[in-house]
Amino acid sequence: FDKLMPQVLAFSPDGNLLAVGFANGHVKLLRSSDLSEVCGSRDSRDPVTHLCFSYDSLYLAVAHADRCVCLYHFCRRHNDKHYAMEWLFSGKHRSHWWAIVGLCFSGPESDKLRLFSVGEDRRLVEYNVLQ
């Protein structure tokens, strides 16, 4: 990762992945066993401020300093069993006027998976996560 400055780290609940958010907006997913890169993306030029995996390790939420939340899903492209499982971009949304200070998913006790963000603007936002 030459010339990349890490900002934030998060392990997946199953312990298999390490997500790394960088100051230039890049996000990289690494295997925790050998730190080899699984995939990477850049959906903002602003620094990554928060990373959060869902309890089942199938979703990754990313918050950037531009007040946007991005969602990635580990699934098969087009839900076709002929495609391999991969991390796919699900969406991006700006819900806050001020900086995001918290990001989390609901737990397994919830009837459906939900994503929440809270900002310095004192707004709690719930995002629909379709499974």
Foldseek 3Di string as FASTA:
>chain_A
DPPWAWDDWDAQLVRQWIWTWTQQQKIWIAGNVPRDTQDMDGDDRGTWHDWEAANVRQKIWIAGQVQKIWMWGFAAVVNDPVGDTDIDTDDMDHDDPHGWDDKYWDHPVDPAIWIWIQGPVRDIDIDDDDD
